[in-house]
Amino acid sequence: VQLVESGGGLVQPGGSLRLSCVASGFTFSSYTMRWYRQTPGKERELVATINSAGGSTNYADSVKGRFTISRDNAKNTVYLQMNSLTPEDTAVYYCKVIIRVRDYWGQGTQVTVSS
């Protein structure tokens, strides 16, 4: 199982970024995918979840209305579109899949929101 995130970077407040997570080593279309984020000294926070078919999504209250999770099962990729970014969104963002009760994480991608 491999998850590779990309798309992070430095963005000004109010800006947008789209993160991608490319998956391999498992049947991507069969699994719920999740995005988390983590800042130094804090636990990882669940940001968004999408079910295997992409028809059901959930969001943390802190990002609801600003972030959108989506997936392309033909490309084995899950996305996180982030709009109206604030400095509080600064974090390392990770994607995760749970397979047979084991968590698999990507290496993370840094998002920094600053003027």
N, C-alpha and C. Protein backbone atom coordinates (compact mmCIF):
# COMPACT_ATOMS: atom_id res chain seq x y z
N VAL A 1 0.84 -1.19 0.00
CA VAL A 1 0.00 0.00 0.00
C VAL A 1 0.88 1.24 0.00
N GLN A 2 0.59 2.14 -0.91
CA GLN A 2 1.34 3.40 -0.95
C GLN A 2 0.37 4.55 -1.21
N LEU A 3 0.55 5.61 -0.45
CA LEU A 3 -0.22 6.84 -0.62
C LEU A 3 0.77 7.98 -0.78
N VAL A 4 0.62 8.77 -1.83
CA VAL A 4 1.54 9.86 -2.10
C VAL A 4 0.76 11.15 -2.28
N GLU A 5 0.93 12.06 -1.32
CA GLU A 5 0.26 13.36 -1.38
C GLU A 5 1.10 14.37 -2.13
N SER A 6 0.41 15.34 -2.72
CA SER A 6 1.08 16.45 -3.38
C SER A 6 0.13 17.64 -3.43
N GLY A 7 0.66 18.79 -3.82
CA GLY A 7 -0.17 19.96 -4.00
C GLY A 7 -0.07 21.01 -2.92
N GLY A 8 0.66 20.71 -1.86
CA GLY A 8 0.83 21.70 -0.80
C GLY A 8 1.72 22.84 -1.24
N GLY A 9 1.80 23.84 -0.38
CA GLY A 9 2.64 24.99 -0.68
C GLY A 9 2.28 26.17 0.17
N LEU A 10 2.81 27.32 -0.21
CA LEU A 10 2.55 28.57 0.48
C LEU A 10 1.46 29.34 -0.27
N VAL A 11 0.46 29.77 0.47
CA VAL A 11 -0.65 30.50 -0.14
C VAL A 11 -1.05 31.63 0.79
N GLN A 12 -1.54 32.72 0.21
CA GLN A 12 -1.99 33.85 1.01
C GLN A 12 -3.36 33.57 1.60
N PRO A 13 -3.67 34.21 2.72
CA PRO A 13 -5.03 34.07 3.28
C PRO A 13 -6.08 34.41 2.23
N GLY A 14 -7.13 33.60 2.20
CA GLY A 14 -8.17 33.77 1.21
C GLY A 14 -7.94 33.00 -0.06
N GLY A 15 -6.76 32.43 -0.19
CA GLY A 15 -6.42 31.69 -1.40
C GLY A 15 -6.92 30.26 -1.39
N SER A 16 -6.55 29.53 -2.44
CA SER A 16 -7.00 28.15 -2.62
C SER A 16 -5.83 27.24 -2.97
N LEU A 17 -5.99 26.00 -2.62
CA LEU A 17 -5.07 24.94 -3.03
C LEU A 17 -5.87 23.68 -3.27
N ARG A 18 -5.36 22.82 -4.14
CA ARG A 18 -5.94 21.49 -4.31
C ARG A 18 -4.87 20.45 -4.03
N LEU A 19 -5.13 19.63 -3.03
CA LEU A 19 -4.25 18.53 -2.69
C LEU A 19 -4.68 17.28 -3.42
N SER A 20 -3.70 16.45 -3.76
CA SER A 20 -3.96 15.15 -4.38
C SER A 20 -3.29 14.06 -3.58
N CYS A 21 -3.89 12.90 -3.60
CA CYS A 21 -3.30 11.72 -2.97
C CYS A 21 -3.48 10.56 -3.94
N VAL A 22 -2.37 10.09 -4.47
CA VAL A 22 -2.40 8.97 -5.41
C VAL A 22 -2.13 7.68 -4.66
N ALA A 23 -3.01 6.72 -4.84
CA ALA A 23 -2.94 5.46 -4.11
C ALA A 23 -2.50 4.32 -5.01
N SER A 24 -1.84 3.36 -4.42
CA SER A 24 -1.45 2.15 -5.15
C SER A 24 -1.31 1.00 -4.16
N GLY A 25 -1.37 -0.22 -4.69
CA GLY A 25 -1.15 -1.39 -3.87
C GLY A 25 -2.40 -1.99 -3.24
N PHE A 26 -3.55 -1.41 -3.56
CA PHE A 26 -4.81 -1.96 -3.08
C PHE A 26 -5.92 -1.52 -4.05
N THR A 27 -7.09 -2.10 -3.88
CA THR A 27 -8.21 -1.79 -4.76
C THR A 27 -8.85 -0.49 -4.29
N PHE A 28 -8.35 0.60 -4.83
CA PHE A 28 -8.71 1.94 -4.37
C PHE A 28 -10.22 2.14 -4.34
N SER A 29 -10.91 1.69 -5.36
CA SER A 29 -12.34 1.96 -5.49
C SER A 29 -13.18 1.26 -4.43
N SER A 30 -12.59 0.41 -3.63
CA SER A 30 -13.34 -0.34 -2.60
C SER A 30 -13.26 0.29 -1.22
N TYR A 31 -12.49 1.37 -1.06
CA TYR A 31 -12.21 1.87 0.29
C TYR A 31 -12.55 3.33 0.48
N THR A 32 -13.06 3.61 1.68
CA THR A 32 -13.22 4.98 2.13
C THR A 32 -11.85 5.63 2.28
N MET A 33 -11.77 6.88 1.89
CA MET A 33 -10.52 7.63 2.01
C MET A 33 -10.73 8.84 2.92
N ARG A 34 -9.66 9.22 3.60
CA ARG A 34 -9.73 10.32 4.56
C ARG A 34 -8.56 11.26 4.41
N TRP A 35 -8.81 12.53 4.66
CA TRP A 35 -7.77 13.54 4.78
C TRP A 35 -7.69 13.97 6.24
N TYR A 36 -6.48 14.05 6.75
CA TYR A 36 -6.18 14.55 8.08
C TYR A 36 -5.19 15.72 7.94
N ARG A 37 -5.06 16.45 9.04
CA ARG A 37 -4.02 17.46 9.12
C ARG A 37 -3.44 17.48 10.52
N GLN A 38 -2.21 17.97 10.61
CA GLN A 38 -1.52 18.01 11.90
C GLN A 38 -0.63 19.23 11.98
N THR A 39 -0.69 19.90 13.12
CA THR A 39 0.22 21.00 13.42
C THR A 39 1.12 20.57 14.57
N PRO A 40 2.30 21.18 14.70
CA PRO A 40 3.24 20.76 15.75
C PRO A 40 2.60 20.80 17.13
N GLY A 41 2.80 19.72 17.87
CA GLY A 41 2.30 19.66 19.23
C GLY A 41 0.85 19.25 19.37
N LYS A 42 0.20 19.00 18.25
CA LYS A 42 -1.21 18.62 18.29
C LYS A 42 -1.41 17.26 17.63
N GLU A 43 -2.52 16.61 18.00
CA GLU A 43 -2.85 15.34 17.36
C GLU A 43 -3.38 15.60 15.94
N ARG A 44 -3.28 14.57 15.14
CA ARG A 44 -3.84 14.68 13.79
C ARG A 44 -5.35 14.84 13.88
N GLU A 45 -5.85 15.75 13.05
CA GLU A 45 -7.27 16.09 13.04
C GLU A 45 -7.90 15.55 11.76
N LEU A 46 -9.01 14.84 11.89
CA LEU A 46 -9.73 14.38 10.71
C LEU A 46 -10.40 15.58 10.04
N VAL A 47 -10.11 15.77 8.76
CA VAL A 47 -10.62 16.93 8.03
C VAL A 47 -11.82 16.54 7.17
N ALA A 48 -11.68 15.45 6.42
CA ALA A 48 -12.74 15.08 5.48
C ALA A 48 -12.67 13.60 5.18
N THR A 49 -13.84 13.04 4.88
CA THR A 49 -13.98 11.63 4.55
C THR A 49 -14.84 11.48 3.30
N ILE A 50 -14.50 10.50 2.47
CA ILE A 50 -15.31 10.20 1.30
C ILE A 50 -15.43 8.68 1.17
N ASN A 51 -16.64 8.22 0.89
CA ASN A 51 -16.83 6.77 0.81
C ASN A 51 -16.30 6.23 -0.52
N SER A 52 -16.35 4.93 -0.68
CA SER A 52 -15.68 4.29 -1.80
C SER A 52 -16.19 4.76 -3.16
N ALA A 53 -17.48 4.98 -3.26
CA ALA A 53 -18.07 5.40 -4.55
C ALA A 53 -18.02 6.90 -4.75
N GLY A 54 -17.74 7.62 -3.68
CA GLY A 54 -17.68 9.07 -3.76
C GLY A 54 -18.99 9.78 -3.54
N GLY A 55 -20.02 9.01 -3.18
CA GLY A 55 -21.33 9.62 -3.04
C GLY A 55 -21.64 10.18 -1.67
N SER A 56 -20.77 9.90 -0.70
CA SER A 56 -21.01 10.37 0.66
C SER A 56 -19.74 10.99 1.20
N THR A 57 -19.88 12.20 1.73
CA THR A 57 -18.72 12.91 2.28
C THR A 57 -19.07 13.48 3.65
N ASN A 58 -18.03 13.68 4.46
CA ASN A 58 -18.19 14.32 5.75
C ASN A 58 -17.00 15.25 5.99
N TYR A 59 -17.26 16.29 6.78
CA TYR A 59 -16.23 17.30 7.02
C TYR A 59 -16.18 17.70 8.47
N ALA A 60 -14.99 18.08 8.90
CA ALA A 60 -14.86 18.72 10.21
C ALA A 60 -15.57 20.07 10.16
N ASP A 61 -16.13 20.46 11.29
CA ASP A 61 -16.84 21.74 11.34
C ASP A 61 -15.94 22.90 10.93
N SER A 62 -14.67 22.78 11.23
CA SER A 62 -13.72 23.88 10.96
C SER A 62 -13.50 24.13 9.48
N VAL A 63 -13.84 23.15 8.63
CA VAL A 63 -13.59 23.32 7.19
C VAL A 63 -14.86 23.25 6.36
N LYS A 64 -15.98 22.97 7.00
CA LYS A 64 -17.24 22.81 6.28
C LYS A 64 -17.56 24.08 5.50
N GLY A 65 -17.93 23.90 4.24
CA GLY A 65 -18.26 25.04 3.39
C GLY A 65 -17.06 25.64 2.68
N ARG A 66 -15.84 25.24 3.09
CA ARG A 66 -14.63 25.77 2.45
C ARG A 66 -13.84 24.69 1.72
N PHE A 67 -13.86 23.47 2.26
CA PHE A 67 -13.10 22.36 1.68
C PHE A 67 -14.06 21.39 1.00
N THR A 68 -13.57 20.75 -0.06
CA THR A 68 -14.34 19.72 -0.75
C THR A 68 -13.45 18.53 -1.04
N ILE A 69 -13.87 17.36 -0.57
CA ILE A 69 -13.17 16.13 -0.86
C ILE A 69 -13.85 15.46 -2.05
N SER A 70 -13.04 14.89 -2.92
CA SER A 70 -13.57 14.18 -4.09
C SER A 70 -12.60 13.07 -4.45
N ARG A 71 -13.00 12.23 -5.36
CA ARG A 71 -12.13 11.14 -5.78
C ARG A 71 -12.38 10.80 -7.23
N ASP A 72 -11.34 10.24 -7.85
CA ASP A 72 -11.42 9.73 -9.20
C ASP A 72 -10.94 8.29 -9.13
N ASN A 73 -11.84 7.35 -9.10
CA ASN A 73 -11.46 5.95 -8.94
C ASN A 73 -10.72 5.41 -10.17
N ALA A 74 -10.90 6.02 -11.31
CA ALA A 74 -10.16 5.60 -12.49
C ALA A 74 -8.69 5.99 -12.40
N LYS A 75 -8.41 7.03 -11.60
CA LYS A 75 -7.03 7.50 -11.44
C LYS A 75 -6.45 7.14 -10.08
N ASN A 76 -7.21 6.39 -9.28
CA ASN A 76 -6.74 6.02 -7.93
C ASN A 76 -6.30 7.24 -7.13
N THR A 77 -7.09 8.29 -7.22
CA THR A 77 -6.69 9.55 -6.61
C THR A 77 -7.84 10.15 -5.81
N VAL A 78 -7.50 10.67 -4.64
CA VAL A 78 -8.44 11.44 -3.83
C VAL A 78 -7.92 12.87 -3.75
N TYR A 79 -8.83 13.81 -3.78
CA TYR A 79 -8.47 15.23 -3.80
C TYR A 79 -9.04 15.94 -2.58
N LEU A 80 -8.42 17.06 -2.25
CA LEU A 80 -8.98 17.97 -1.26
C LEU A 80 -8.84 19.38 -1.81
N GLN A 81 -9.96 19.92 -2.23
CA GLN A 81 -10.00 21.31 -2.70
C GLN A 81 -10.21 22.21 -1.50
N MET A 82 -9.30 23.15 -1.29
CA MET A 82 -9.34 24.01 -0.11
C MET A 82 -9.47 25.45 -0.57
N ASN A 83 -10.55 26.07 -0.19
CA ASN A 83 -10.81 27.46 -0.55
C ASN A 83 -10.89 28.34 0.70
N SER A 84 -10.79 29.63 0.51
CA SER A 84 -10.89 30.59 1.61
C SER A 84 -9.97 30.21 2.76
N LEU A 85 -8.75 29.91 2.42
CA LEU A 85 -7.79 29.45 3.43
C LEU A 85 -7.44 30.55 4.42
N THR A 86 -7.24 30.13 5.65
CA THR A 86 -6.83 31.04 6.73
C THR A 86 -5.54 30.51 7.35
N PRO A 87 -4.84 31.34 8.11
CA PRO A 87 -3.61 30.86 8.76
C PRO A 87 -3.85 29.64 9.66
N GLU A 88 -5.07 29.50 10.16
CA GLU A 88 -5.37 28.34 11.01
C GLU A 88 -5.41 27.03 10.23
N ASP A 89 -5.42 27.11 8.92
CA ASP A 89 -5.38 25.91 8.09
C ASP A 89 -3.95 25.43 7.84
N THR A 90 -2.97 26.19 8.30
CA THR A 90 -1.58 25.79 8.15
C THR A 90 -1.33 24.47 8.89
N ALA A 91 -0.81 23.49 8.18
CA ALA A 91 -0.60 22.16 8.76
C ALA A 91 0.04 21.26 7.70
N VAL A 92 0.46 20.11 8.15
CA VAL A 92 0.81 19.04 7.22
C VAL A 92 -0.46 18.22 6.99
N TYR A 93 -0.78 18.00 5.74
CA TYR A 93 -1.99 17.28 5.37
C TYR A 93 -1.64 15.87 4.90
N TYR A 94 -2.38 14.91 5.43
CA TYR A 94 -2.14 13.49 5.14
C TYR A 94 -3.41 12.84 4.61
N CYS A 95 -3.26 11.88 3.72
CA CYS A 95 -4.38 11.02 3.39
C CYS A 95 -4.18 9.67 4.08
N LYS A 96 -5.29 9.00 4.31
CA LYS A 96 -5.24 7.74 5.04
C LYS A 96 -6.29 6.78 4.51
N VAL A 97 -5.93 5.50 4.53
CA VAL A 97 -6.88 4.43 4.23
C VAL A 97 -6.77 3.38 5.33
N ILE A 98 -7.88 2.79 5.68
CA ILE A 98 -7.90 1.70 6.65
C ILE A 98 -8.20 0.41 5.91
N ILE A 99 -7.28 -0.52 5.97
CA ILE A 99 -7.44 -1.81 5.31
C ILE A 99 -7.24 -2.90 6.34
N ARG A 100 -8.29 -3.69 6.55
CA ARG A 100 -8.23 -4.78 7.55
C ARG A 100 -7.73 -4.26 8.89
N VAL A 101 -8.36 -3.25 9.36
CA VAL A 101 -8.14 -2.59 10.66
C VAL A 101 -6.76 -1.95 10.80
N ARG A 102 -5.98 -1.90 9.74
CA ARG A 102 -4.67 -1.25 9.81
C ARG A 102 -4.74 0.08 9.07
N ASP A 103 -4.12 1.10 9.68
CA ASP A 103 -4.06 2.42 9.07
C ASP A 103 -2.83 2.53 8.16
N TYR A 104 -3.06 3.07 6.98
CA TYR A 104 -1.97 3.38 6.06
C TYR A 104 -2.01 4.88 5.78
N TRP A 105 -0.84 5.51 5.93
CA TRP A 105 -0.73 6.97 5.77
C TRP A 105 0.25 7.30 4.65
N GLY A 106 0.00 8.46 4.04
CA GLY A 106 0.99 9.01 3.15
C GLY A 106 2.05 9.76 3.94
N GLN A 107 2.98 10.36 3.21
CA GLN A 107 4.09 11.07 3.87
C GLN A 107 3.71 12.50 4.26
N GLY A 108 2.59 12.97 3.74
CA GLY A 108 2.12 14.31 4.07
C GLY A 108 2.61 15.38 3.10
N THR A 109 1.84 16.46 3.04
CA THR A 109 2.22 17.62 2.23
C THR A 109 1.95 18.87 3.05
N GLN A 110 2.93 19.77 3.09
CA GLN A 110 2.84 20.96 3.93
C GLN A 110 1.99 22.03 3.26
N VAL A 111 1.06 22.56 4.00
CA VAL A 111 0.27 23.72 3.56
C VAL A 111 0.54 24.86 4.54
N THR A 112 0.99 25.97 4.00
CA THR A 112 1.25 27.15 4.81
C THR A 112 0.44 28.32 4.28
N VAL A 113 -0.37 28.89 5.15
CA VAL A 113 -1.20 30.03 4.77
C VAL A 113 -0.66 31.26 5.50
N SER A 114 -0.09 32.16 4.73
CA SER A 114 0.56 33.32 5.33
C SER A 114 0.67 34.42 4.30
N SER A 115 0.61 35.66 4.80
CA SER A 115 0.81 36.80 3.92
C SER A 115 2.26 37.24 3.93
